[in-house]
Amino acid sequence: MSSQAKVLVPGQAGCGPALVFEAPISFWGGIDPATGRVSDVRHPQCGECISGKVIFLPGTIGSSSASAVLLELVHAGHAPAAVVLDAPDAILLLGLLVAREMGWPTPVAVQMAAAEQPAFASRIVTVAADGRISAR
């Protein structure tokens, strides 16, 4: 299975287990930046860890602090292997841009329609730097 996605923020290619979110999430208050775990007790993926996984987000719940949480995840070594978003989220993606400016290795972020994302569940997914997504 493969697909082509639009690159939103260039970064390192990533490979890992897919974590397909069932609902939008706020990184601020929803993801623990010290561990990479989903900490929002109301979220279906509560307790899951995003570190080293290819995360598929059908949406995000905005907060101006989301970029800081993603930046902290990158710095602490708990970032996802790649980020797949239904739609660009400028605030969230700012965390990756700042991490790149700091010289830290950052995962690639790409755009793929939410309707296509569930097909990648329970697979090992590779997201290439050019946006190619493949799964086995």
C-alpha atoms as a PDB file:
ATOM      1  CA  MET A   1       0.000   0.000   0.000  1.00  0.00           C
ATOM      2  CA  SER A   2       1.343   3.433  -0.893  1.00  0.00           C
ATOM      3  CA  SER A   3       0.168   6.992  -1.323  1.00  0.00           C
ATOM      4  CA  GLN A   4       1.573  10.414  -2.119  1.00  0.00           C
ATOM      5  CA  ALA A   5       1.079  13.200   0.398  1.00  0.00           C
ATOM      6  CA  LYS A   6       1.848  16.895   0.262  1.00  0.00           C
ATOM      7  CA  VAL A   7       4.891  17.909   2.316  1.00  0.00           C
ATOM      8  CA  LEU A   8       3.936  20.604   4.826  1.00  0.00           C
ATOM      9  CA  VAL A   9       7.244  20.832   6.705  1.00  0.00           C
ATOM     10  CA  PRO A  10      10.367  19.170   5.317  1.00  0.00           C
ATOM     11  CA  GLY A  11      12.145  16.883   7.724  1.00  0.00           C
ATOM     12  CA  GLN A  12      13.710  13.490   8.140  1.00  0.00           C
ATOM     13  CA  ALA A  13      11.976  10.503   6.629  1.00  0.00           C
ATOM     14  CA  GLY A  14      10.341   8.411   9.309  1.00  0.00           C
ATOM     15  CA  CYS A  15       9.329   4.826   9.799  1.00  0.00           C
ATOM     16  CA  GLY A  16       7.355   3.254  12.606  1.00  0.00           C
ATOM     17  CA  PRO A  17       4.075   1.773  13.707  1.00  0.00           C
ATOM     18  CA  ALA A  18       1.068   3.810  12.636  1.00  0.00           C
ATOM     19  CA  LEU A  19      -0.960   5.515  15.332  1.00  0.00           C
ATOM     20  CA  VAL A  20      -4.175   6.600  13.652  1.00  0.00           C
ATOM     21  CA  PHE A  21      -6.030   8.985  15.921  1.00  0.00           C
ATOM     22  CA  GLU A  22      -9.777   8.436  16.115  1.00  0.00           C
ATOM     23  CA  ALA A  23     -10.489  12.047  17.081  1.00  0.00           C
ATOM     24  CA  PRO A  24      -8.782  15.429  16.909  1.00  0.00           C
ATOM     25  CA  ILE A  25      -6.429  16.249  19.774  1.00  0.00           C
ATOM     26  CA  SER A  26      -4.899  19.266  21.418  1.00  0.00           C
ATOM     27  CA  PHE A  27      -1.166  18.871  21.929  1.00  0.00           C
ATOM     28  CA  TRP A  28      -1.381  21.369  24.803  1.00  0.00           C
ATOM     29  CA  GLY A  29      -2.941  19.391  27.633  1.00  0.00           C
ATOM     30  CA  GLY A  30      -3.448  16.353  25.418  1.00  0.00           C
ATOM     31  CA  ILE A  31       0.130  15.132  24.921  1.00  0.00           C
ATOM     32  CA  ASP A  32       2.656  14.917  27.754  1.00  0.00           C
ATOM     33  CA  PRO A  33       5.821  16.585  26.385  1.00  0.00           C
ATOM     34  CA  ALA A  34       8.037  14.721  28.866  1.00  0.00           C
ATOM     35  CA  THR A  35       6.916  11.254  27.754  1.00  0.00           C
ATOM     36  CA  GLY A  36       5.067  11.550  24.447  1.00  0.00           C
ATOM     37  CA  ARG A  37       1.975   9.899  25.938  1.00  0.00           C
ATOM     38  CA  VAL A  38      -1.570  10.974  25.165  1.00  0.00           C
ATOM     39  CA  SER A  39      -2.639  12.404  28.513  1.00  0.00           C
ATOM     40  CA  ASP A  40      -6.146  13.674  27.731  1.00  0.00           C
ATOM     41  CA  VAL A  41      -8.340  11.227  29.651  1.00  0.00           C
ATOM     42  CA  ARG A  42     -11.292  12.011  27.366  1.00  0.00           C
ATOM     43  CA  HIS A  43      -9.395  11.070  24.196  1.00  0.00           C
ATOM     44  CA  PRO A  44      -9.851   7.580  22.684  1.00  0.00           C
ATOM     45  CA  GLN A  45      -6.075   7.112  22.454  1.00  0.00           C
ATOM     46  CA  CYS A  46      -5.390   8.109  26.079  1.00  0.00           C
ATOM     47  CA  GLY A  47      -2.277   6.281  27.283  1.00  0.00           C
ATOM     48  CA  GLU A  48      -0.853   5.678  23.797  1.00  0.00           C
ATOM     49  CA  CYS A  49       2.655   6.963  23.132  1.00  0.00           C
ATOM     50  CA  ILE A  50       3.418   8.965  19.967  1.00  0.00           C
ATOM     51  CA  SER A  51       7.205   8.647  20.288  1.00  0.00           C
ATOM     52  CA  GLY A  52       8.710   6.946  17.259  1.00  0.00           C
ATOM     53  CA  LYS A  53       5.309   6.368  15.664  1.00  0.00           C
ATOM     54  CA  VAL A  54       3.862   7.738  12.469  1.00  0.00           C
ATOM     55  CA  ILE A  55       0.907   9.701  13.780  1.00  0.00           C
ATOM     56  CA  PHE A  56      -2.170  10.269  11.635  1.00  0.00           C
ATOM     57  CA  LEU A  57      -4.238  13.207  12.849  1.00  0.00           C
ATOM     58  CA  PRO A  58      -7.756  13.693  11.461  1.00  0.00           C
ATOM     59  CA  GLY A  59      -7.663  17.135  13.045  1.00  0.00           C
ATOM     60  CA  THR A  60      -6.140  19.173  15.810  1.00  0.00           C
ATOM     61  CA  ILE A  61      -7.704  21.246  18.538  1.00  0.00           C
ATOM     62  CA  GLY A  62      -5.896  24.508  18.510  1.00  0.00           C
ATOM     63  CA  SER A  63      -3.901  26.111  21.214  1.00  0.00           C
ATOM     64  CA  SER A  64      -1.110  28.583  20.745  1.00  0.00           C
ATOM     65  CA  SER A  65       0.967  26.334  23.006  1.00  0.00           C
ATOM     66  CA  ALA A  66       0.747  23.312  20.684  1.00  0.00           C
ATOM     67  CA  SER A  67       3.921  24.359  18.886  1.00  0.00           C
ATOM     68  CA  ALA A  68       5.808  24.520  22.187  1.00  0.00           C
ATOM     69  CA  VAL A  69       4.678  21.004  23.095  1.00  0.00           C
ATOM     70  CA  LEU A  70       5.827  19.611  19.734  1.00  0.00           C
ATOM     71  CA  LEU A  71       9.121  21.503  20.097  1.00  0.00           C
ATOM     72  CA  GLU A  72       9.609  19.972  23.556  1.00  0.00           C
ATOM     73  CA  LEU A  73       8.857  16.501  22.181  1.00  0.00           C
ATOM     74  CA  VAL A  74      11.537  16.936  19.508  1.00  0.00           C
ATOM     75  CA  HIS A  75      14.075  18.240  22.024  1.00  0.00           C
ATOM     76  CA  ALA A  76      13.369  15.445  24.532  1.00  0.00           C
ATOM     77  CA  GLY A  77      13.651  12.716  21.888  1.00  0.00           C
ATOM     78  CA  HIS A  78       9.953  11.832  22.125  1.00  0.00           C
ATOM     79  CA  ALA A  79       8.821  13.168  18.761  1.00  0.00           C
ATOM     80  CA  PRO A  80       6.776  11.077  16.378  1.00  0.00           C
ATOM     81  CA  ALA A  81       8.624   9.477  13.451  1.00  0.00           C
ATOM     82  CA  ALA A  82       6.396  11.481  11.094  1.00  0.00           C
ATOM     83  CA  VAL A  83       3.278  13.631  11.319  1.00  0.00           C
ATOM     84  CA  VAL A  84       0.365  13.143   8.921  1.00  0.00           C
ATOM     85  CA  LEU A  85      -2.292  15.861   9.144  1.00  0.00           C
ATOM     86  CA  ASP A  86      -5.686  16.147   7.481  1.00  0.00           C
ATOM     87  CA  ALA A  87      -5.157  19.898   7.089  1.00  0.00           C
ATOM     88  CA  PRO A  88      -2.225  22.212   7.758  1.00  0.00           C
ATOM     89  CA  ASP A  89      -2.064  23.500  11.331  1.00  0.00           C
ATOM     90  CA  ALA A  90       0.296  26.471  11.272  1.00  0.00           C
ATOM     91  CA  ILE A  91       0.580  26.689  15.043  1.00  0.00           C
ATOM     92  CA  LEU A  92       1.412  23.006  15.577  1.00  0.00           C
ATOM     93  CA  LEU A  93       3.835  22.929  12.650  1.00  0.00           C
ATOM     94  CA  LEU A  94       5.624  26.005  13.970  1.00  0.00           C
ATOM     95  CA  GLY A  95       7.135  23.676  16.592  1.00  0.00           C
ATOM     96  CA  LEU A  96       8.846  21.681  13.843  1.00  0.00           C
ATOM     97  CA  LEU A  97      10.054  24.821  12.091  1.00  0.00           C
ATOM     98  CA  VAL A  98      11.596  26.174  15.282  1.00  0.00           C
ATOM     99  CA  ALA A  99      13.205  22.781  16.029  1.00  0.00           C
ATOM    100  CA  ARG A 100      14.783  22.815  12.552  1.00  0.00           C
ATOM    101  CA  GLU A 101      16.088  26.337  13.136  1.00  0.00           C
ATOM    102  CA  MET A 102      17.627  25.098  16.395  1.00  0.00           C
ATOM    103  CA  GLY A 103      19.442  22.433  14.378  1.00  0.00           C
ATOM    104  CA  TRP A 104      17.524  19.528  15.890  1.00  0.00           C
ATOM    105  CA  PRO A 105      16.521  16.555  13.725  1.00  0.00           C
ATOM    106  CA  THR A 106      12.830  16.886  12.965  1.00  0.00           C
ATOM    107  CA  PRO A 107      10.293  14.523  11.463  1.00  0.00           C
ATOM    108  CA  VAL A 108       8.637  15.283   8.155  1.00  0.00           C
ATOM    109  CA  ALA A 109       5.048  16.563   8.306  1.00  0.00           C
ATOM    110  CA  VAL A 110       2.677  15.817   5.441  1.00  0.00           C
ATOM    111  CA  GLN A 111      -0.959  16.311   4.506  1.00  0.00           C
ATOM    112  CA  MET A 112      -3.357  13.446   3.765  1.00  0.00           C
ATOM    113  CA  ALA A 113      -7.159  13.497   3.849  1.00  0.00           C
ATOM    114  CA  ALA A 114      -8.637  12.123   7.078  1.00  0.00           C
ATOM    115  CA  ALA A 115     -10.743   9.671   5.071  1.00  0.00           C
ATOM    116  CA  GLU A 116      -7.570   7.951   3.793  1.00  0.00           C
ATOM    117  CA  GLN A 117      -5.832   7.701   7.170  1.00  0.00           C
ATOM    118  CA  PRO A 118      -7.602   4.672   8.763  1.00  0.00           C
ATOM    119  CA  ALA A 119      -6.251   2.373   6.027  1.00  0.00           C
ATOM    120  CA  PHE A 120      -2.803   2.703   7.639  1.00  0.00           C
ATOM    121  CA  ALA A 121      -3.875   1.482  11.096  1.00  0.00           C
ATOM    122  CA  SER A 122      -1.970  -1.520  12.488  1.00  0.00           C
ATOM    123  CA  ARG A 123       0.757  -1.220   9.857  1.00  0.00           C
ATOM    124  CA  ILE A 124       4.395  -0.249   9.803  1.00  0.00           C
ATOM    125  CA  VAL A 125       4.494   2.995   7.846  1.00  0.00           C
ATOM    126  CA  THR A 126       7.320   4.841   6.132  1.00  0.00           C
ATOM    127  CA  VAL A 127       6.965   8.499   5.233  1.00  0.00           C
ATOM    128  CA  ALA A 128       9.687   9.617   2.832  1.00  0.00           C
ATOM    129  CA  ALA A 129      11.075  13.148   2.824  1.00  0.00           C
ATOM    130  CA  ASP A 130       9.265  13.749  -0.486  1.00  0.00           C
ATOM    131  CA  GLY A 131       5.873  12.790   0.995  1.00  0.00           C
ATOM    132  CA  ARG A 132       5.605   9.232  -0.285  1.00  0.00           C
ATOM    133  CA  ILE A 133       3.832   7.074   2.271  1.00  0.00           C
ATOM    134  CA  SER A 134       4.138   3.292   2.167  1.00  0.00           C
ATOM    135  CA  ALA A 135       2.878   0.639   4.542  1.00  0.00           C
ATOM    136  CA  ARG A 136       3.456  -3.027   5.150  1.00  0.00           C
END
